[in-house]
N, C-alpha and C. Protein backbone atom coordinates (compact mmCIF):
# COMPACT_ATOMS: atom_id res chain seq x y z
N MET A 1 10.75 69.57 11.17
CA MET A 1 9.33 69.37 11.01
C MET A 1 9.13 69.31 11.98
N ILE A 2 7.45 69.85 12.56
CA ILE A 2 6.84 69.84 14.05
C ILE A 2 5.79 68.92 13.81
N ILE A 3 5.91 67.94 15.31
CA ILE A 3 4.78 67.53 15.56
C ILE A 3 3.88 67.37 16.54
N ASP A 4 3.00 66.81 17.14
CA ASP A 4 2.18 66.92 18.00
C ASP A 4 2.30 66.29 18.82
N VAL A 5 2.45 65.72 20.22
CA VAL A 5 2.66 65.60 20.83
C VAL A 5 2.04 65.59 22.25
N ASP A 6 1.10 64.45 23.03
CA ASP A 6 0.74 64.76 23.99
C ASP A 6 0.99 64.52 25.26
N ARG A 7 1.11 65.41 26.46
CA ARG A 7 1.56 64.80 27.27
C ARG A 7 1.17 64.29 28.40
N SER A 8 1.10 63.18 29.59
CA SER A 8 0.18 63.34 30.43
C SER A 8 1.19 62.97 31.64
N PHE A 9 0.53 63.42 32.73
CA PHE A 9 0.81 63.24 34.13
C PHE A 9 0.04 63.09 34.65
N LEU A 10 0.83 61.50 35.66
CA LEU A 10 0.50 61.08 36.32
C LEU A 10 0.87 60.98 37.84
N GLU A 11 -0.12 60.68 38.86
CA GLU A 11 0.33 60.19 40.34
C GLU A 11 -0.38 59.20 41.04
N ILE A 12 0.04 58.98 41.95
CA ILE A 12 -0.78 57.98 43.53
C ILE A 12 -0.21 58.33 44.49
N ASN A 13 -1.20 58.91 45.21
CA ASN A 13 -1.37 59.24 46.67
C ASN A 13 -1.45 58.24 47.88
N SER A 14 -1.61 57.06 47.10
CA SER A 14 -1.73 56.28 48.92
C SER A 14 -0.72 54.63 47.91
N ILE A 15 -0.52 54.47 49.46
CA ILE A 15 -0.64 53.08 48.54
C ILE A 15 -1.59 51.44 48.61
N LYS A 16 -2.49 52.44 48.91
CA LYS A 16 -3.36 51.36 48.72
C LYS A 16 -4.38 51.95 47.31
N ASN A 17 -4.21 52.10 46.94
CA ASN A 17 -4.54 52.15 45.20
C ASN A 17 -3.77 51.54 44.47
N LEU A 18 -2.32 51.04 45.05
CA LEU A 18 -1.83 50.66 44.11
C LEU A 18 -1.67 49.19 43.51
N LYS A 19 -2.02 48.73 42.50
CA LYS A 19 -2.43 47.52 42.23
C LYS A 19 -1.41 46.59 41.59
N ARG A 20 -1.38 45.81 42.15
CA ARG A 20 0.32 44.98 42.08
C ARG A 20 0.32 44.26 40.82
N SER A 21 1.24 43.99 40.64
CA SER A 21 1.66 43.16 38.85
C SER A 21 3.01 42.08 39.78
N ASN A 22 2.46 40.61 39.58
CA ASN A 22 2.96 40.08 39.83
C ASN A 22 4.73 39.72 39.25
N ASN A 23 5.60 39.10 40.01
CA ASN A 23 7.02 38.95 39.14
C ASN A 23 6.76 37.92 38.22
N PRO A 24 6.85 38.44 37.29
CA PRO A 24 7.12 37.70 36.15
C PRO A 24 8.05 35.93 36.46
N GLY A 25 8.65 36.05 36.84
CA GLY A 25 9.31 34.49 37.23
C GLY A 25 10.42 34.73 38.06
N PRO A 26 10.87 33.80 38.83
CA PRO A 26 11.81 33.36 39.96
C PRO A 26 13.39 33.92 39.72
N ASN A 27 13.48 33.85 38.49
CA ASN A 27 14.86 34.39 38.01
C ASN A 27 15.19 36.40 37.78
N PHE A 28 13.60 37.27 37.84
CA PHE A 28 13.60 38.80 38.11
C PHE A 28 13.50 38.96 39.37
N LYS A 29 14.80 39.87 39.70
CA LYS A 29 15.24 40.64 40.41
C LYS A 29 15.30 42.00 40.46
N ILE A 30 15.36 42.54 41.32
CA ILE A 30 15.43 44.13 40.94
C ILE A 30 16.18 44.40 42.47
N SER A 31 17.39 45.36 42.12
CA SER A 31 18.04 46.00 42.99
C SER A 31 18.47 47.30 42.51
N GLU A 32 18.78 47.78 43.57
CA GLU A 32 19.38 49.12 43.59
C GLU A 32 20.82 49.35 43.07
N VAL A 33 21.14 50.17 42.39
CA VAL A 33 22.16 50.29 42.10
C VAL A 33 22.54 51.37 42.68
N ASN A 34 23.96 51.08 43.58
CA ASN A 34 24.48 51.16 44.39
C ASN A 34 26.19 50.78 44.97
N PRO A 35 27.19 51.39 44.35
CA PRO A 35 27.08 52.63 44.33
C PRO A 35 26.44 53.33 42.91
N PRO A 36 26.58 54.25 42.92
CA PRO A 36 26.05 55.05 41.18
C PRO A 36 27.09 54.42 40.35
N ASP A 37 26.23 54.26 39.07
CA ASP A 37 26.85 53.70 38.37
C ASP A 37 26.58 54.55 36.33
N PHE A 38 27.12 55.75 36.54
CA PHE A 38 26.85 56.55 35.88
C PHE A 38 26.62 55.61 33.95
N GLN A 39 27.45 54.72 33.85
CA GLN A 39 26.81 53.98 32.83
C GLN A 39 26.34 52.98 32.81
N LEU A 40 25.64 52.57 33.74
CA LEU A 40 24.27 51.51 33.57
C LEU A 40 22.58 52.67 32.99
N ASN A 41 23.45 53.94 33.71
CA ASN A 41 22.03 54.91 33.80
C ASN A 41 21.96 55.50 31.95
N LYS A 42 23.56 55.47 31.51
CA LYS A 42 23.33 55.95 30.17
C LYS A 42 22.89 54.30 29.41
N PHE A 43 23.30 53.68 29.42
CA PHE A 43 22.98 52.51 28.40
C PHE A 43 21.70 52.29 28.66
N PHE A 44 20.39 52.16 30.16
CA PHE A 44 19.41 52.72 29.42
C PHE A 44 18.89 53.62 28.71
N TYR A 45 19.40 54.59 29.39
CA TYR A 45 18.33 56.04 28.99
C TYR A 45 19.15 55.71 26.96
N LYS A 46 19.87 55.77 26.25
CA LYS A 46 20.13 55.47 25.26
C LYS A 46 19.27 54.16 24.73
N GLN A 47 19.32 53.02 25.35
CA GLN A 47 18.56 52.06 24.80
C GLN A 47 17.09 51.55 24.50
N ILE A 48 16.80 52.49 25.62
CA ILE A 48 15.21 52.50 26.02
C ILE A 48 15.00 53.29 25.03
N GLY A 49 15.62 54.76 25.32
CA GLY A 49 15.14 56.02 24.58
C GLY A 49 15.64 55.85 22.92
N LYS A 50 16.13 55.16 21.98
CA LYS A 50 16.06 55.72 21.43
C LYS A 50 15.74 55.48 20.01
N LYS A 51 13.95 54.79 20.93
CA LYS A 51 12.92 54.21 19.60
C LYS A 51 11.70 55.65 20.03
N HIS A 52 11.89 56.62 21.48
CA HIS A 52 10.87 57.23 21.97
C HIS A 52 11.57 58.77 22.18
N ARG A 53 12.73 58.96 20.98
CA ARG A 53 13.09 59.94 21.14
C ARG A 53 13.34 60.78 22.90
N TRP A 54 13.66 60.37 23.29
CA TRP A 54 14.46 60.18 24.94
C TRP A 54 16.22 60.87 23.81
N VAL A 55 15.67 62.47 24.21
CA VAL A 55 16.92 62.80 23.27
C VAL A 55 17.57 64.19 24.67
N ASP A 56 16.84 64.34 25.71
CA ASP A 56 18.01 65.67 26.33
C ASP A 56 19.13 64.81 27.13
N ARG A 57 18.87 63.97 27.28
CA ARG A 57 20.77 63.51 28.14
C ARG A 57 21.64 63.33 27.35
N LEU A 58 21.04 63.22 25.66
CA LEU A 58 22.42 63.06 24.69
C LEU A 58 23.45 63.51 24.52
N VAL A 59 23.50 65.06 25.18
CA VAL A 59 24.47 65.84 24.79
C VAL A 59 25.11 66.10 26.51
N TRP A 60 24.54 65.04 27.53
CA TRP A 60 25.07 65.21 28.41
C TRP A 60 27.25 64.09 28.39
N GLU A 61 27.71 64.87 28.77
CA GLU A 61 29.49 64.33 29.18
C GLU A 61 28.92 64.01 30.08
N ASP A 62 30.58 62.83 30.29
CA ASP A 62 30.57 61.68 31.64
C ASP A 62 30.21 62.62 32.97
N LYS A 63 31.15 63.62 32.92
CA LYS A 63 30.98 64.67 34.21
C LYS A 63 29.29 64.68 34.65
N LYS A 64 28.68 65.11 33.59
CA LYS A 64 27.50 65.41 33.71
C LYS A 64 26.86 64.58 34.68
N TRP A 65 26.65 63.54 34.22
CA TRP A 65 25.57 61.76 33.90
C TRP A 65 26.39 61.47 35.66
N ILE A 66 27.94 61.42 35.56
CA ILE A 66 27.94 61.38 37.60
C ILE A 66 27.73 62.08 38.63
N GLU A 67 27.58 63.59 37.88
CA GLU A 67 27.18 64.76 38.80
C GLU A 67 25.56 64.17 39.16
N PHE A 68 25.05 63.73 38.04
CA PHE A 68 23.11 62.97 38.43
C PHE A 68 23.19 61.87 38.99
N VAL A 69 24.15 61.08 38.91
CA VAL A 69 23.57 59.77 39.33
C VAL A 69 24.31 59.81 40.42
N GLU A 70 24.68 61.04 41.42
CA GLU A 70 25.67 60.86 42.36
C GLU A 70 24.92 62.20 43.41
N ASN A 71 23.74 62.79 42.33
CA ASN A 71 23.18 63.05 43.65
C ASN A 71 22.08 62.62 44.48
N PRO A 72 22.29 62.95 45.88
CA PRO A 72 21.84 62.13 47.31
C PRO A 72 20.25 62.17 46.57
N ARG A 73 19.22 62.68 46.02
CA ARG A 73 18.36 62.48 46.17
C ARG A 73 17.87 61.86 45.26
N VAL A 74 18.56 61.04 43.89
CA VAL A 74 18.52 60.24 42.50
C VAL A 74 18.75 59.39 43.31
N LYS A 75 18.27 57.93 42.74
CA LYS A 75 18.12 56.55 43.00
C LYS A 75 17.85 56.30 41.82
N THR A 76 18.38 54.74 41.52
CA THR A 76 18.41 54.14 40.14
C THR A 76 18.23 52.59 40.58
N PHE A 77 17.37 51.99 40.66
CA PHE A 77 16.99 50.61 40.15
C PHE A 77 16.99 49.66 39.26
N ILE A 78 17.82 48.61 38.77
CA ILE A 78 17.60 48.20 37.63
C ILE A 78 16.72 46.52 38.57
N LEU A 79 16.47 45.78 37.25
CA LEU A 79 15.31 44.70 36.77
C LEU A 79 16.48 44.18 36.12
N LYS A 80 17.13 42.79 36.53
CA LYS A 80 17.58 41.75 36.11
C LYS A 80 17.10 40.29 35.49
N ASP A 81 17.29 39.88 35.17
CA ASP A 81 17.18 38.12 34.93
C ASP A 81 18.07 37.54 34.79
N ASN A 82 18.13 36.66 35.95
CA ASN A 82 19.32 36.26 36.07
C ASN A 82 20.54 37.15 36.50
N ASN A 83 21.33 36.65 35.23
CA ASN A 83 22.70 37.98 35.61
C ASN A 83 22.16 38.76 33.77
N ASN A 84 20.94 39.09 33.14
CA ASN A 84 21.08 39.73 32.29
C ASN A 84 20.06 40.63 32.42
N LEU A 85 20.04 42.05 32.08
CA LEU A 85 20.00 43.97 32.60
C LEU A 85 18.53 43.36 31.64
N ALA A 86 17.49 43.44 31.81
CA ALA A 86 16.36 43.69 31.24
C ALA A 86 15.43 44.68 31.56
N GLY A 87 15.72 45.98 32.55
CA GLY A 87 14.28 47.51 32.90
C GLY A 87 15.62 47.75 34.02
N TYR A 88 14.79 49.50 33.96
CA TYR A 88 15.44 49.97 35.27
C TYR A 88 14.32 51.09 35.23
N TYR A 89 14.44 51.91 36.00
CA TYR A 89 14.22 53.32 36.74
C TYR A 89 14.65 54.11 37.62
N GLU A 90 14.38 55.42 37.12
CA GLU A 90 15.46 56.45 38.07
C GLU A 90 14.05 57.28 38.94
N THR A 91 14.55 57.43 39.91
CA THR A 91 14.07 58.24 40.56
C THR A 91 14.60 59.58 41.62
N ILE A 92 13.67 60.05 41.73
CA ILE A 92 14.67 62.09 41.91
C ILE A 92 13.27 62.20 43.27
N ARG A 93 13.93 61.71 44.91
CA ARG A 93 13.42 62.40 45.70
C ARG A 93 12.85 63.82 45.92
N ASP A 94 11.92 64.03 46.43
CA ASP A 94 11.70 65.67 47.31
C ASP A 94 11.25 65.15 48.23
N VAL A 95 12.08 64.93 49.34
CA VAL A 95 12.04 64.61 50.55
C VAL A 95 10.80 65.52 51.98
N ASP A 96 11.71 66.93 51.47
CA ASP A 96 10.61 67.82 51.92
C ASP A 96 9.33 68.24 51.78
N LYS A 97 8.77 67.50 50.74
CA LYS A 97 7.43 67.17 50.49
C LYS A 97 7.32 65.78 50.45
N ASP A 98 7.97 64.95 50.99
CA ASP A 98 7.34 63.45 50.77
C ASP A 98 6.73 62.98 49.23
N GLN A 99 7.59 63.47 48.37
CA GLN A 99 6.85 62.75 46.66
C GLN A 99 8.39 62.01 46.56
N SER A 100 8.17 61.92 45.43
CA SER A 100 9.23 61.39 44.56
C SER A 100 8.48 61.15 42.87
N GLU A 101 9.38 61.29 41.75
CA GLU A 101 9.25 61.68 40.60
C GLU A 101 9.64 60.44 39.95
N ILE A 102 9.08 59.21 39.27
CA ILE A 102 9.35 57.95 38.63
C ILE A 102 10.66 59.06 37.30
N ALA A 103 11.43 59.96 36.93
CA ALA A 103 11.48 60.14 36.11
C ALA A 103 12.13 59.41 34.72
N TYR A 104 12.68 58.30 34.63
CA TYR A 104 12.61 57.34 33.84
C TYR A 104 12.53 56.21 34.01
N PHE A 105 11.73 55.52 33.26
CA PHE A 105 11.31 54.36 33.92
C PHE A 105 11.40 53.26 32.14
N GLY A 106 11.81 52.04 32.17
CA GLY A 106 11.84 51.65 30.84
C GLY A 106 12.43 50.10 30.90
N ILE A 107 12.14 49.34 29.77
CA ILE A 107 12.09 47.76 29.91
C ILE A 107 12.97 47.57 28.15
N LEU A 108 13.79 46.64 28.11
CA LEU A 108 14.37 46.30 27.21
C LEU A 108 13.52 45.58 26.16
N GLU A 109 13.63 45.52 25.06
CA GLU A 109 12.92 45.02 23.59
C GLU A 109 12.93 43.60 23.97
N GLU A 110 13.98 43.05 24.38
CA GLU A 110 14.02 41.77 24.52
C GLU A 110 12.78 40.82 25.44
N TYR A 111 11.99 41.96 26.35
CA TYR A 111 11.43 42.18 27.59
C TYR A 111 10.26 42.05 27.71
N PHE A 112 9.77 43.36 26.45
CA PHE A 112 8.98 43.18 26.00
C PHE A 112 7.71 42.11 26.04
N GLY A 113 6.22 42.05 26.72
CA GLY A 113 5.21 41.45 26.67
C GLY A 113 5.56 40.02 27.71
N LYS A 114 6.71 40.26 28.33
CA LYS A 114 6.68 39.04 29.39
C LYS A 114 6.33 39.51 30.74
N LYS A 115 6.20 40.50 31.44
CA LYS A 115 5.03 41.33 32.06
C LYS A 115 6.06 41.87 32.36
N CYS A 116 7.23 42.15 32.59
CA CYS A 116 8.36 42.81 33.40
C CYS A 116 7.90 44.11 33.74
N GLY A 117 7.31 45.00 32.68
CA GLY A 117 6.83 46.65 32.68
C GLY A 117 5.78 47.11 34.20
N GLY A 118 4.77 45.87 34.14
CA GLY A 118 4.15 45.88 35.65
C GLY A 118 4.31 45.47 36.61
N TYR A 119 5.58 44.77 37.12
CA TYR A 119 6.12 44.74 37.85
C TYR A 119 6.92 45.09 38.17
N LEU A 120 7.89 45.43 37.43
CA LEU A 120 9.23 47.01 37.32
C LEU A 120 7.81 48.13 38.47
N LEU A 121 7.27 48.27 37.32
CA LEU A 121 6.37 49.64 37.70
C LEU A 121 5.83 49.07 39.67
N SER A 122 5.51 48.46 40.04
CA SER A 122 4.72 48.07 40.87
C SER A 122 5.85 47.81 42.05
N GLU A 123 6.48 47.56 41.97
CA GLU A 123 7.84 47.55 42.69
C GLU A 123 8.23 48.68 43.66
N ALA A 124 8.58 50.02 41.75
CA ALA A 124 9.06 51.19 42.49
C ALA A 124 8.40 51.47 43.16
N ILE A 125 7.08 52.03 42.97
CA ILE A 125 5.76 52.59 43.55
C ILE A 125 6.04 52.10 45.41
N ASN A 126 5.74 50.56 44.70
CA ASN A 126 6.02 49.68 46.75
C ASN A 126 6.94 50.56 47.06
N GLN A 127 8.14 50.39 46.42
CA GLN A 127 9.47 50.89 47.25
C GLN A 127 9.76 52.61 47.51
N LEU A 128 8.89 53.10 47.08
CA LEU A 128 9.17 54.70 47.29
C LEU A 128 7.82 55.02 48.56
N PHE A 129 6.87 54.12 48.44
CA PHE A 129 5.76 54.36 49.80
C PHE A 129 6.21 53.93 50.78
N GLN A 130 6.85 53.20 51.00
CA GLN A 130 7.83 52.24 52.02
C GLN A 130 8.86 53.05 52.73
N GLU A 131 9.52 54.14 51.82
CA GLU A 131 10.60 54.72 52.15
C GLU A 131 9.91 56.14 52.53
N GLY A 132 8.83 55.93 53.04
CA GLY A 132 7.61 57.61 53.58
C GLY A 132 7.24 58.47 52.80
N MET A 133 7.73 57.97 51.16
CA MET A 133 6.72 58.79 50.24
C MET A 133 5.21 58.84 50.16
N SER A 134 4.76 59.71 49.87
CA SER A 134 3.31 59.97 50.27
C SER A 134 2.67 60.31 48.81
N ARG A 135 3.57 60.28 47.82
CA ARG A 135 3.11 60.96 46.22
C ARG A 135 4.22 60.02 45.62
N VAL A 136 3.75 58.99 44.45
CA VAL A 136 4.58 59.11 43.59
C VAL A 136 3.84 60.07 42.51
N TRP A 137 5.10 60.66 41.17
CA TRP A 137 4.63 61.10 39.82
C TRP A 137 5.06 60.68 38.68
N LEU A 138 5.03 60.76 37.66
CA LEU A 138 5.71 60.81 36.52
C LEU A 138 4.85 61.16 35.28
N HIS A 139 5.89 61.35 34.18
CA HIS A 139 5.55 61.71 33.30
C HIS A 139 5.64 60.99 31.98
N THR A 140 4.28 61.00 31.34
CA THR A 140 5.02 60.11 29.68
C THR A 140 4.19 60.86 28.64
N CYS A 141 4.44 60.48 27.68
CA CYS A 141 3.74 60.73 25.98
C CYS A 141 3.48 60.01 25.15
N SER A 142 2.78 60.84 23.73
CA SER A 142 2.80 59.79 23.30
C SER A 142 3.79 58.97 22.83
N LEU A 143 4.74 60.02 22.32
CA LEU A 143 5.81 59.40 22.41
C LEU A 143 7.32 57.47 22.28
N ASP A 144 6.39 57.59 23.93
CA ASP A 144 7.03 56.65 24.85
C ASP A 144 5.68 55.03 24.25
N HIS A 145 5.86 53.78 24.91
CA HIS A 145 5.63 52.95 24.01
C HIS A 145 4.93 53.29 23.99
N LYS A 146 3.45 52.30 23.09
CA LYS A 146 1.99 52.35 23.26
C LYS A 146 1.37 51.97 24.37
N ASN A 147 2.42 50.92 25.32
CA ASN A 147 1.78 50.43 26.69
C ASN A 147 1.90 51.60 27.34
N ALA A 148 2.91 52.21 27.57
CA ALA A 148 3.18 53.01 28.90
C ALA A 148 1.86 53.30 29.29
N ILE A 149 1.56 54.26 29.20
CA ILE A 149 -0.02 54.72 29.68
C ILE A 149 -0.93 53.61 30.49
N LYS A 150 -0.87 53.01 29.74
CA LYS A 150 -1.96 52.12 29.85
C LYS A 150 -1.06 51.05 31.38
N ASN A 151 0.27 51.15 31.41
CA ASN A 151 1.02 49.76 32.48
C ASN A 151 0.60 51.34 33.57
N TYR A 152 0.81 52.27 34.00
CA TYR A 152 0.17 53.74 34.43
C TYR A 152 -1.04 53.24 35.26
N LEU A 153 -2.00 52.94 34.44
CA LEU A 153 -3.15 53.36 34.82
C LEU A 153 -3.68 52.12 35.53
N ALA A 154 -2.92 50.78 34.82
CA ALA A 154 -3.67 49.40 35.86
C ALA A 154 -2.42 49.72 37.04
N ARG A 155 -1.78 50.20 36.91
CA ARG A 155 -0.94 50.01 38.54
C ARG A 155 -1.54 50.67 39.32
N GLY A 156 -2.87 51.97 38.92
CA GLY A 156 -3.55 52.35 39.78
C GLY A 156 -3.41 54.39 40.10
N MET A 157 -2.86 54.68 38.59
CA MET A 157 -1.89 55.78 39.22
C MET A 157 -3.08 56.74 38.18
N LYS A 158 -3.05 57.95 37.98
CA LYS A 158 -4.77 58.38 37.80
C LYS A 158 -3.86 60.09 37.07
N ILE A 159 -4.07 60.03 36.25
CA ILE A 159 -3.81 61.54 35.01
C ILE A 159 -3.86 62.48 36.37
N PHE A 160 -3.52 63.62 36.04
CA PHE A 160 -3.66 64.81 37.13
C PHE A 160 -3.44 66.60 35.97
N LYS A 161 -2.80 65.87 35.19
CA LYS A 161 -2.54 67.06 34.15
C LYS A 161 -2.33 66.54 32.88
N SER A 162 -2.61 66.99 31.62
CA SER A 162 -2.42 66.76 30.18
C SER A 162 -2.40 67.71 29.42
N GLU A 163 -1.80 67.92 28.57
CA GLU A 163 -1.30 68.49 27.40
C GLU A 163 -0.61 68.54 26.42
N LYS A 164 -0.68 69.31 25.38
CA LYS A 164 -0.91 69.05 24.00
C LYS A 164 1.02 69.78 24.06
N ILE A 165 2.18 69.45 23.18
CA ILE A 165 2.68 70.64 23.24
C ILE A 165 3.56 70.10 21.48
N ASN A 166 3.92 70.83 20.91
CA ASN A 166 5.00 70.71 19.36
C ASN A 166 5.96 70.49 19.99
N LEU A 167 6.64 69.40 19.24
CA LEU A 167 8.51 69.05 19.08
C LEU A 167 8.25 69.40 17.99
N GLU A 168 9.80 69.80 17.31
CA GLU A 168 10.82 70.36 16.70
C GLU A 168 11.45 68.58 16.26
N ILE A 169 10.80 68.41 14.93
CA ILE A 169 12.47 67.28 15.19
C ILE A 169 12.85 67.51 13.83
N ASN A 170 14.72 66.91 13.85
CA ASN A 170 15.23 66.93 12.74
C ASN A 170 15.07 65.50 11.73
């Protein structure tokens, strides 16, 4: 079966355009996964992605996951509620162009509706600009969470490209 999917590419080019969202509570903390731990990336990818057709990496062997997370251009950050995992994001930096893609971003279902997504995205964008990036971008599609694009736009990101694609699903 083939389905139509709307895909949007968004960017933010200045920290001045960032509309921050507050920390949902004092027990929420964001930290970089250092040293890299492919099991965390794999866990979040599978848990968050299972309802949104994140399928590209499902075929990856552990070796491929390890190579990916150990790439110096890639960084992973996790959001914790005390000691409980709540969400994550991965960035892929292009330091030659002073820009970074937020490659994957998501919140675990039990944290939906608790303002975690806005906070995590605000902090991701802020961190990247603090590191000297002049552009932060990502892409999303109509298969992602219904509030994903609303969150990106609410943080000050702008759509710079849209397209319709046909996706074959089994």
